[in-house]
Amino acid sequence: MRAAPRAPRPDPAPYAAAETAFAEAKAYLCSREARQMSESDIERELDRRGRELMRKHLRL
């Protein structure tokens, strides 16, 4: 008789990657680079980072 396959171990910190991405986005907003950009450029960058943040949440 074959043993049943083991269930994957739950991630002890399922939101760790998303939390890191969010912290990086916040740090970016405080950066010298961001302070020198136009609002529309910052908005585009945050849109890109926001999509990546949502992807990380969906991978849970």
Protein backbone atom coordinates (compact mmCIF):
# COMPACT_ATOMS: atom_id res chain seq x y z
CA MET A 1 0.00 0.00 0.00
CA ARG A 2 1.38 3.37 -0.98
CA ALA A 3 1.57 6.14 1.54
CA ALA A 4 -0.57 9.16 0.85
CA PRO A 5 1.42 12.10 -0.50
CA ARG A 6 2.30 14.64 2.10
CA ALA A 7 0.60 17.98 1.98
CA PRO A 8 2.93 20.89 1.42
CA ARG A 9 4.13 22.52 4.60
CA PRO A 10 2.37 25.80 5.25
CA ASP A 11 4.52 28.86 4.82
CA PRO A 12 5.20 30.26 8.31
CA ALA A 13 5.10 33.78 6.91
CA PRO A 14 2.76 33.71 3.89
CA TYR A 15 2.78 37.46 3.42
CA ALA A 16 6.52 37.96 3.84
CA ALA A 17 7.22 38.54 0.13
CA ALA A 18 4.29 40.95 -0.18
CA GLU A 19 5.31 42.81 2.98
CA THR A 20 8.84 43.16 1.61
CA ALA A 21 7.51 44.51 -1.70
CA PHE A 22 5.33 47.02 0.17
CA ALA A 23 8.25 48.15 2.34
CA GLU A 24 10.37 48.60 -0.78
CA ALA A 25 7.64 50.72 -2.41
CA LYS A 26 7.43 52.91 0.71
CA ALA A 27 11.21 53.30 0.80
CA TYR A 28 11.19 54.18 -2.89
CA LEU A 29 8.73 57.03 -2.23
CA CYS A 30 11.21 58.50 0.26
CA SER A 31 14.18 58.12 -2.05
CA ARG A 32 16.07 60.95 -3.69
CA GLU A 33 15.23 59.41 -7.07
CA ALA A 34 11.48 59.62 -6.44
CA ARG A 35 11.69 63.17 -5.11
CA GLN A 36 13.22 64.23 -8.42
CA MET A 37 10.51 62.61 -10.57
CA SER A 38 7.27 64.11 -11.83
CA GLU A 39 4.03 62.98 -10.21
CA SER A 40 3.04 61.11 -13.36
CA ASP A 41 6.36 59.21 -13.39
CA ILE A 42 5.94 58.29 -9.73
CA GLU A 43 2.39 57.17 -10.42
CA ARG A 44 3.58 54.87 -13.23
CA GLU A 45 6.29 53.40 -10.99
CA LEU A 46 3.84 52.81 -8.15
CA ASP A 47 1.41 51.21 -10.59
CA ARG A 48 4.13 48.76 -11.64
CA ARG A 49 5.12 48.04 -8.04
CA GLY A 50 1.47 47.68 -7.02
CA ARG A 51 0.85 45.03 -9.66
CA GLU A 52 3.87 43.10 -8.42
CA LEU A 53 2.62 43.42 -4.85
CA MET A 54 -0.77 41.95 -5.85
CA ARG A 55 0.96 39.10 -7.71
CA LYS A 56 2.82 38.22 -4.54
CA HIS A 57 -0.46 38.10 -2.60
CA LEU A 58 -2.05 35.87 -5.24
CA ARG A 59 0.79 33.33 -4.96
CA LEU A 60 -0.28 32.37 -1.45
